[in-house]
């Protein structure tokens, strides 16, 4: 059973890399972390990188685009004929909630959480402006 499977292994690897880089940014100092683009550049230049305890080679990264789901998994009619049973294919929207507690949805790039932090940021900015005597910044 696959819930919103990626189109190919490259999307799955990229999603894993993005999550891992995000976690590194949480737990390591800014001097010790690299961006996802830096890791991708290393892979494309032939280096090995470590992601979640596994060593990824440039060949793995390069060849992952060629690993796709069997065509029998892409539409309900073909899948039902191949497996001789009813099949329901549901592609979840990228904003869908995870189906498994602690799971991840989709294989997209870093998400924008500005909506979550904006109220606090606005309050801090207004408070600092009020302390400095800036009259053009409204406070709540």
N, C-alpha and C. Protein backbone atom coordinates (compact mmCIF):
# COMPACT_ATOMS: atom_id res chain seq x y z
N UNK A 1 0.85 -1.16 0.00
CA UNK A 1 0.00 0.00 0.00
C UNK A 1 0.90 1.23 0.00
N UNK A 2 0.63 2.14 -0.91
CA UNK A 2 1.39 3.38 -0.99
C UNK A 2 0.43 4.56 -0.87
N UNK A 3 0.74 5.48 0.00
CA UNK A 3 -0.05 6.70 0.14
C UNK A 3 0.72 7.83 -0.50
N UNK A 4 0.15 8.42 -1.55
CA UNK A 4 0.81 9.51 -2.26
C UNK A 4 2.26 9.19 -2.58
N UNK A 5 2.50 8.13 -3.32
CA UNK A 5 3.89 7.76 -3.61
C UNK A 5 4.55 8.78 -4.53
N UNK A 6 5.86 8.90 -4.43
CA UNK A 6 6.57 9.80 -5.35
C UNK A 6 6.56 9.21 -6.76
N UNK A 7 6.78 10.06 -7.74
CA UNK A 7 6.81 9.59 -9.13
C UNK A 7 8.04 8.73 -9.40
N UNK A 8 9.13 9.03 -8.69
CA UNK A 8 10.35 8.26 -8.87
C UNK A 8 11.19 8.29 -7.60
N UNK A 9 12.24 7.50 -7.58
CA UNK A 9 13.09 7.41 -6.39
C UNK A 9 13.82 8.73 -6.13
N UNK A 10 14.06 9.51 -7.16
CA UNK A 10 14.75 10.79 -6.97
C UNK A 10 13.93 11.72 -6.08
N UNK A 11 12.61 11.75 -6.28
CA UNK A 11 11.74 12.57 -5.43
C UNK A 11 11.80 12.09 -3.98
N UNK A 12 11.82 10.79 -3.77
CA UNK A 12 11.90 10.24 -2.42
C UNK A 12 13.24 10.60 -1.77
N UNK A 13 14.34 10.50 -2.50
CA UNK A 13 15.64 10.86 -1.97
C UNK A 13 15.71 12.35 -1.65
N UNK A 14 15.22 13.17 -2.55
CA UNK A 14 15.24 14.62 -2.34
C UNK A 14 14.44 15.00 -1.09
N UNK A 15 13.28 14.40 -0.92
CA UNK A 15 12.46 14.68 0.25
C UNK A 15 13.18 14.27 1.54
N UNK A 16 13.83 13.11 1.51
CA UNK A 16 14.58 12.64 2.67
C UNK A 16 15.73 13.60 2.98
N UNK A 17 16.44 14.04 1.95
CA UNK A 17 17.55 14.97 2.12
C UNK A 17 17.06 16.28 2.73
N UNK A 18 15.93 16.80 2.26
CA UNK A 18 15.40 18.06 2.78
C UNK A 18 15.04 17.95 4.26
N UNK A 19 14.40 16.86 4.64
CA UNK A 19 14.05 16.67 6.06
C UNK A 19 15.30 16.57 6.90
N UNK A 20 16.29 15.82 6.42
CA UNK A 20 17.52 15.61 7.17
C UNK A 20 18.29 16.93 7.35
N UNK A 21 18.38 17.71 6.28
CA UNK A 21 19.06 19.01 6.36
C UNK A 21 18.33 19.92 7.34
N UNK A 22 17.00 19.88 7.32
CA UNK A 22 16.22 20.68 8.27
C UNK A 22 16.51 20.30 9.70
N UNK A 23 16.62 19.01 9.97
CA UNK A 23 16.93 18.55 11.32
C UNK A 23 18.35 18.94 11.72
N UNK A 24 19.28 18.87 10.78
CA UNK A 24 20.64 19.30 11.08
C UNK A 24 20.68 20.76 11.51
N UNK A 25 19.87 21.59 10.88
CA UNK A 25 19.83 23.01 11.22
C UNK A 25 19.29 23.22 12.63
N UNK A 26 18.48 22.31 13.11
CA UNK A 26 17.96 22.41 14.47
C UNK A 26 19.00 22.04 15.52
N UNK A 27 19.81 21.04 15.23
CA UNK A 27 20.68 20.46 16.24
C UNK A 27 22.15 20.85 16.15
N UNK A 28 22.56 21.48 15.08
CA UNK A 28 23.97 21.85 14.93
C UNK A 28 24.10 23.36 14.85
N UNK A 29 25.27 23.84 15.16
CA UNK A 29 25.51 25.29 15.06
C UNK A 29 25.57 25.69 13.59
N UNK A 30 25.36 26.96 13.35
CA UNK A 30 25.30 27.44 11.97
C UNK A 30 26.61 27.22 11.22
N UNK A 31 27.74 27.16 11.94
CA UNK A 31 29.02 26.92 11.27
C UNK A 31 29.17 25.47 10.80
N UNK A 32 28.41 24.56 11.42
CA UNK A 32 28.57 23.13 11.14
C UNK A 32 27.56 22.57 10.15
N UNK A 33 26.64 23.39 9.65
CA UNK A 33 25.62 22.87 8.75
C UNK A 33 25.85 23.35 7.32
N UNK A 34 25.34 22.55 6.40
CA UNK A 34 25.38 22.90 4.98
C UNK A 34 23.94 23.00 4.49
N UNK A 35 23.77 23.71 3.41
CA UNK A 35 22.44 23.78 2.80
C UNK A 35 22.21 22.52 1.96
N UNK A 36 20.96 22.28 1.64
CA UNK A 36 20.63 21.14 0.78
C UNK A 36 21.33 21.27 -0.56
N UNK A 37 21.42 22.49 -1.07
CA UNK A 37 22.08 22.72 -2.36
C UNK A 37 23.54 22.31 -2.31
N UNK A 38 24.20 22.54 -1.17
CA UNK A 38 25.61 22.14 -1.04
C UNK A 38 25.75 20.61 -1.09
N UNK A 39 24.83 19.90 -0.42
CA UNK A 39 24.87 18.44 -0.46
C UNK A 39 24.61 17.93 -1.87
N UNK A 40 23.64 18.52 -2.54
CA UNK A 40 23.33 18.11 -3.92
C UNK A 40 24.54 18.36 -4.82
N UNK A 41 25.19 19.50 -4.65
CA UNK A 41 26.39 19.81 -5.44
C UNK A 41 27.48 18.77 -5.19
N UNK A 42 27.67 18.37 -3.93
CA UNK A 42 28.67 17.34 -3.62
C UNK A 42 28.33 16.02 -4.32
N UNK A 43 27.05 15.64 -4.27
CA UNK A 43 26.64 14.40 -4.94
C UNK A 43 26.89 14.48 -6.43
N UNK A 44 26.54 15.61 -7.03
CA UNK A 44 26.71 15.75 -8.47
C UNK A 44 28.18 15.82 -8.89
N UNK A 45 29.06 16.16 -7.94
CA UNK A 45 30.49 16.20 -8.23
C UNK A 45 31.18 14.87 -7.92
N UNK A 46 30.40 13.86 -7.49
CA UNK A 46 30.96 12.54 -7.27
C UNK A 46 31.30 12.18 -5.84
N UNK A 47 31.00 13.05 -4.89
CA UNK A 47 31.31 12.77 -3.49
C UNK A 47 30.25 11.87 -2.86
N UNK A 48 30.64 11.21 -1.79
CA UNK A 48 29.69 10.48 -0.95
C UNK A 48 29.21 11.42 0.14
N UNK A 49 27.93 11.33 0.50
CA UNK A 49 27.43 12.09 1.65
C UNK A 49 26.70 11.13 2.58
N UNK A 50 26.58 11.53 3.83
CA UNK A 50 25.85 10.71 4.80
C UNK A 50 24.52 11.38 5.10
N UNK A 51 23.43 10.60 4.95
CA UNK A 51 22.08 11.09 5.22
C UNK A 51 21.40 10.07 6.12
N UNK A 52 21.03 10.51 7.31
CA UNK A 52 20.35 9.65 8.28
C UNK A 52 21.10 8.33 8.52
N UNK A 53 22.42 8.40 8.56
CA UNK A 53 23.23 7.22 8.84
C UNK A 53 23.56 6.36 7.63
N UNK A 54 23.09 6.75 6.46
CA UNK A 54 23.38 6.00 5.23
C UNK A 54 24.29 6.82 4.33
N UNK A 55 25.20 6.12 3.65
CA UNK A 55 26.09 6.79 2.70
C UNK A 55 25.44 6.78 1.32
N UNK A 56 25.24 7.97 0.79
CA UNK A 56 24.67 8.10 -0.54
C UNK A 56 25.80 8.40 -1.52
N UNK A 57 25.78 7.69 -2.63
CA UNK A 57 26.79 7.92 -3.67
C UNK A 57 26.20 8.80 -4.77
N UNK A 58 27.08 9.35 -5.57
CA UNK A 58 26.61 10.15 -6.70
C UNK A 58 25.85 9.27 -7.70
N UNK A 59 26.24 7.99 -7.80
CA UNK A 59 25.53 7.08 -8.71
C UNK A 59 24.10 6.85 -8.23
N UNK A 60 23.92 6.70 -6.93
CA UNK A 60 22.57 6.54 -6.39
C UNK A 60 21.73 7.76 -6.73
N UNK A 61 22.28 8.94 -6.50
CA UNK A 61 21.56 10.18 -6.77
C UNK A 61 21.23 10.31 -8.26
N UNK A 62 22.21 10.04 -9.10
CA UNK A 62 22.03 10.17 -10.55
C UNK A 62 21.02 9.16 -11.08
N UNK A 63 21.14 7.90 -10.66
CA UNK A 63 20.29 6.84 -11.19
C UNK A 63 18.88 6.81 -10.59
N UNK A 64 18.67 7.54 -9.51
CA UNK A 64 17.37 7.49 -8.83
C UNK A 64 16.23 8.01 -9.71
N UNK A 65 16.53 8.87 -10.66
CA UNK A 65 15.47 9.39 -11.54
C UNK A 65 14.90 8.30 -12.45
N UNK A 66 15.68 7.26 -12.69
CA UNK A 66 15.24 6.18 -13.56
C UNK A 66 14.39 5.13 -12.85
N UNK A 67 14.35 5.18 -11.52
CA UNK A 67 13.59 4.19 -10.75
C UNK A 67 12.19 4.76 -10.51
N UNK A 68 11.21 4.21 -11.23
CA UNK A 68 9.83 4.69 -11.13
C UNK A 68 8.92 3.56 -10.67
N UNK A 69 7.72 3.96 -10.28
CA UNK A 69 6.72 2.96 -9.93
C UNK A 69 6.30 2.20 -11.19
N UNK A 70 5.95 0.94 -11.04
CA UNK A 70 5.43 0.22 -12.21
C UNK A 70 4.19 0.94 -12.74
N UNK A 71 4.02 0.94 -14.05
CA UNK A 71 2.87 1.63 -14.63
C UNK A 71 1.55 1.06 -14.11
N UNK A 72 1.58 -0.18 -13.62
CA UNK A 72 0.35 -0.78 -13.09
C UNK A 72 -0.12 -0.07 -11.83
N UNK A 73 0.73 0.73 -11.19
CA UNK A 73 0.34 1.42 -9.97
C UNK A 73 -0.18 2.82 -10.25
N UNK A 74 -0.16 3.27 -11.49
CA UNK A 74 -0.48 4.65 -11.77
C UNK A 74 -1.95 4.92 -12.05
N UNK A 75 -2.70 3.93 -12.50
CA UNK A 75 -4.13 4.17 -12.68
C UNK A 75 -4.93 2.97 -12.17
N UNK A 76 -6.15 3.23 -11.73
CA UNK A 76 -6.97 2.21 -11.07
C UNK A 76 -7.30 1.02 -11.97
N UNK A 77 -7.63 1.29 -13.23
CA UNK A 77 -8.04 0.21 -14.13
C UNK A 77 -6.91 -0.76 -14.39
N UNK A 78 -5.74 -0.25 -14.73
CA UNK A 78 -4.58 -1.11 -14.99
C UNK A 78 -4.18 -1.89 -13.75
N UNK A 79 -4.18 -1.21 -12.59
CA UNK A 79 -3.81 -1.86 -11.33
C UNK A 79 -4.81 -2.95 -10.98
N UNK A 80 -6.09 -2.70 -11.16
CA UNK A 80 -7.12 -3.69 -10.85
C UNK A 80 -6.96 -4.93 -11.73
N UNK A 81 -6.65 -4.74 -13.01
CA UNK A 81 -6.42 -5.88 -13.91
C UNK A 81 -5.16 -6.64 -13.52
N UNK A 82 -4.10 -5.93 -13.16
CA UNK A 82 -2.84 -6.57 -12.81
C UNK A 82 -2.94 -7.38 -11.52
N UNK A 83 -3.70 -6.90 -10.56
CA UNK A 83 -3.77 -7.56 -9.26
C UNK A 83 -5.06 -8.36 -9.06
N UNK A 84 -5.93 -8.33 -10.06
CA UNK A 84 -7.18 -9.09 -10.03
C UNK A 84 -8.00 -8.80 -8.78
N UNK A 85 -8.06 -7.55 -8.42
CA UNK A 85 -8.88 -7.11 -7.28
C UNK A 85 -9.13 -5.61 -7.42
N UNK A 86 -10.13 -5.09 -6.72
CA UNK A 86 -10.40 -3.65 -6.82
C UNK A 86 -9.22 -2.83 -6.28
N UNK A 87 -8.96 -1.73 -6.93
CA UNK A 87 -7.87 -0.85 -6.54
C UNK A 87 -8.39 0.58 -6.53
N UNK A 88 -7.99 1.32 -5.53
CA UNK A 88 -8.36 2.74 -5.46
C UNK A 88 -7.07 3.54 -5.36
N UNK A 89 -6.82 4.40 -6.32
CA UNK A 89 -5.64 5.24 -6.32
C UNK A 89 -6.06 6.64 -5.86
N UNK A 90 -5.44 7.11 -4.79
CA UNK A 90 -5.75 8.43 -4.25
C UNK A 90 -4.46 9.21 -4.11
N UNK A 91 -4.36 10.30 -4.84
CA UNK A 91 -3.19 11.17 -4.73
C UNK A 91 -3.57 12.31 -3.79
N UNK A 92 -2.88 12.38 -2.65
CA UNK A 92 -3.19 13.39 -1.66
C UNK A 92 -2.66 14.75 -2.06
N UNK A 93 -3.39 15.77 -1.67
CA UNK A 93 -2.96 17.14 -1.86
C UNK A 93 -1.75 17.40 -0.97
N UNK A 94 -0.87 18.30 -1.35
CA UNK A 94 0.34 18.54 -0.56
C UNK A 94 0.05 19.08 0.82
N UNK A 95 -1.15 19.62 1.04
CA UNK A 95 -1.48 20.15 2.36
C UNK A 95 -2.20 19.13 3.24
N UNK A 96 -2.36 17.91 2.77
CA UNK A 96 -3.08 16.88 3.52
C UNK A 96 -2.33 16.53 4.80
N UNK A 97 -3.09 16.15 5.81
CA UNK A 97 -2.48 15.74 7.09
C UNK A 97 -1.82 14.37 6.92
N UNK A 98 -0.75 14.11 7.66
CA UNK A 98 -0.13 12.78 7.57
C UNK A 98 -1.11 11.69 7.96
N UNK A 99 -1.05 10.57 7.28
CA UNK A 99 -1.95 9.46 7.57
C UNK A 99 -1.45 8.65 8.77
N UNK A 100 -0.17 8.74 9.04
CA UNK A 100 0.42 8.01 10.14
C UNK A 100 1.01 9.03 11.10
N UNK A 101 0.72 8.90 12.38
CA UNK A 101 1.23 9.84 13.37
C UNK A 101 2.76 9.95 13.24
N UNK A 102 3.22 11.17 13.12
CA UNK A 102 4.66 11.40 12.97
C UNK A 102 5.13 11.26 11.54
N UNK A 103 4.24 10.94 10.62
CA UNK A 103 4.63 10.76 9.22
C UNK A 103 4.76 12.08 8.49
N UNK A 104 5.23 11.99 7.28
CA UNK A 104 5.39 13.16 6.44
C UNK A 104 4.48 13.02 5.24
N UNK A 105 4.04 14.15 4.72
CA UNK A 105 3.18 14.15 3.55
C UNK A 105 3.94 14.74 2.38
N UNK A 106 3.80 14.13 1.24
CA UNK A 106 4.35 14.68 0.02
C UNK A 106 5.85 14.61 -0.06
N UNK A 107 6.37 15.07 -1.15
CA UNK A 107 7.80 15.02 -1.41
C UNK A 107 8.24 16.38 -1.92
N UNK A 108 7.78 17.40 -1.22
CA UNK A 108 8.06 18.75 -1.66
C UNK A 108 9.28 19.32 -0.95
N UNK A 109 9.64 20.51 -1.35
CA UNK A 109 10.80 21.18 -0.76
C UNK A 109 10.41 21.75 0.60
N UNK A 110 11.29 22.53 1.17
CA UNK A 110 11.05 23.11 2.50
C UNK A 110 9.74 23.88 2.52
N UNK A 111 9.01 23.74 3.59
CA UNK A 111 7.72 24.40 3.71
C UNK A 111 7.88 25.80 4.30
N UNK A 112 6.92 26.67 4.01
CA UNK A 112 6.93 28.04 4.51
C UNK A 112 6.11 28.09 5.80
N UNK A 113 6.78 28.34 6.93
CA UNK A 113 6.10 28.43 8.21
C UNK A 113 5.99 29.87 8.70
N UNK A 114 6.11 30.83 7.80
CA UNK A 114 6.05 32.22 8.22
C UNK A 114 4.72 32.55 8.89
N UNK A 115 3.64 31.93 8.46
CA UNK A 115 2.33 32.16 9.08
C UNK A 115 2.35 31.81 10.57
N UNK A 116 3.17 30.85 10.94
CA UNK A 116 3.24 30.41 12.33
C UNK A 116 4.00 31.41 13.19
N UNK A 117 5.03 32.01 12.65
CA UNK A 117 5.89 32.89 13.42
C UNK A 117 5.56 34.37 13.26
N UNK A 118 4.77 34.73 12.26
CA UNK A 118 4.49 36.13 11.97
C UNK A 118 3.90 36.89 13.16
N UNK A 119 2.89 36.35 13.86
CA UNK A 119 2.34 37.12 14.99
C UNK A 119 3.38 37.44 16.07
N UNK A 120 4.22 36.47 16.41
CA UNK A 120 5.26 36.73 17.41
C UNK A 120 6.29 37.72 16.89
N UNK A 121 6.68 37.57 15.65
CA UNK A 121 7.64 38.48 15.06
C UNK A 121 7.10 39.91 15.04
N UNK A 122 5.83 40.06 14.67
CA UNK A 122 5.23 41.39 14.65
C UNK A 122 5.20 42.00 16.05
N UNK A 123 4.86 41.19 17.06
CA UNK A 123 4.79 41.67 18.43
C UNK A 123 6.17 42.10 18.92
N UNK A 124 7.19 41.28 18.64
CA UNK A 124 8.56 41.61 19.06
C UNK A 124 9.02 42.89 18.38
N UNK A 125 8.76 43.01 17.10
CA UNK A 125 9.17 44.21 16.35
C UNK A 125 8.49 45.45 16.91
N UNK A 126 7.20 45.35 17.19
CA UNK A 126 6.45 46.49 17.74
C UNK A 126 6.95 46.84 19.14
N UNK A 127 7.25 45.83 19.95
CA UNK A 127 7.74 46.08 21.31
C UNK A 127 9.09 46.78 21.28
N UNK A 128 9.98 46.31 20.42
CA UNK A 128 11.29 46.94 20.30
C UNK A 128 11.19 48.37 19.78
N UNK A 129 10.29 48.57 18.84
CA UNK A 129 10.09 49.91 18.29
C UNK A 129 9.55 50.85 19.36
N UNK A 130 8.65 50.35 20.20
CA UNK A 130 8.08 51.17 21.27
C UNK A 130 9.17 51.55 22.28
N UNK A 131 10.08 50.63 22.57
CA UNK A 131 11.17 50.91 23.51
C UNK A 131 12.13 51.96 22.95
N UNK A 132 12.32 51.91 21.63
CA UNK A 132 13.21 52.88 21.00
C UNK A 132 12.51 54.22 20.78
N UNK A 133 11.19 54.23 20.92
CA UNK A 133 10.44 55.45 20.71
C UNK A 133 10.03 55.68 19.28
N UNK A 134 10.09 54.63 18.44
CA UNK A 134 9.64 54.76 17.05
C UNK A 134 8.12 54.88 17.04
N UNK A 135 7.60 55.96 16.54
CA UNK A 135 6.15 56.15 16.55
C UNK A 135 5.46 55.60 15.31
N UNK A 136 6.22 55.29 14.25
CA UNK A 136 5.61 54.83 13.00
C UNK A 136 5.26 53.34 13.03
N UNK A 137 5.67 52.59 14.06
CA UNK A 137 5.35 51.17 14.16
C UNK A 137 4.27 51.01 15.22
N UNK A 138 3.12 50.48 14.81
CA UNK A 138 2.01 50.29 15.74
C UNK A 138 2.25 49.07 16.61
N UNK A 139 1.81 49.14 17.84
CA UNK A 139 1.93 47.98 18.72
C UNK A 139 0.55 47.49 19.11
N UNK A 140 0.46 46.20 19.46
CA UNK A 140 -0.83 45.62 19.84
C UNK A 140 -1.03 45.70 21.33
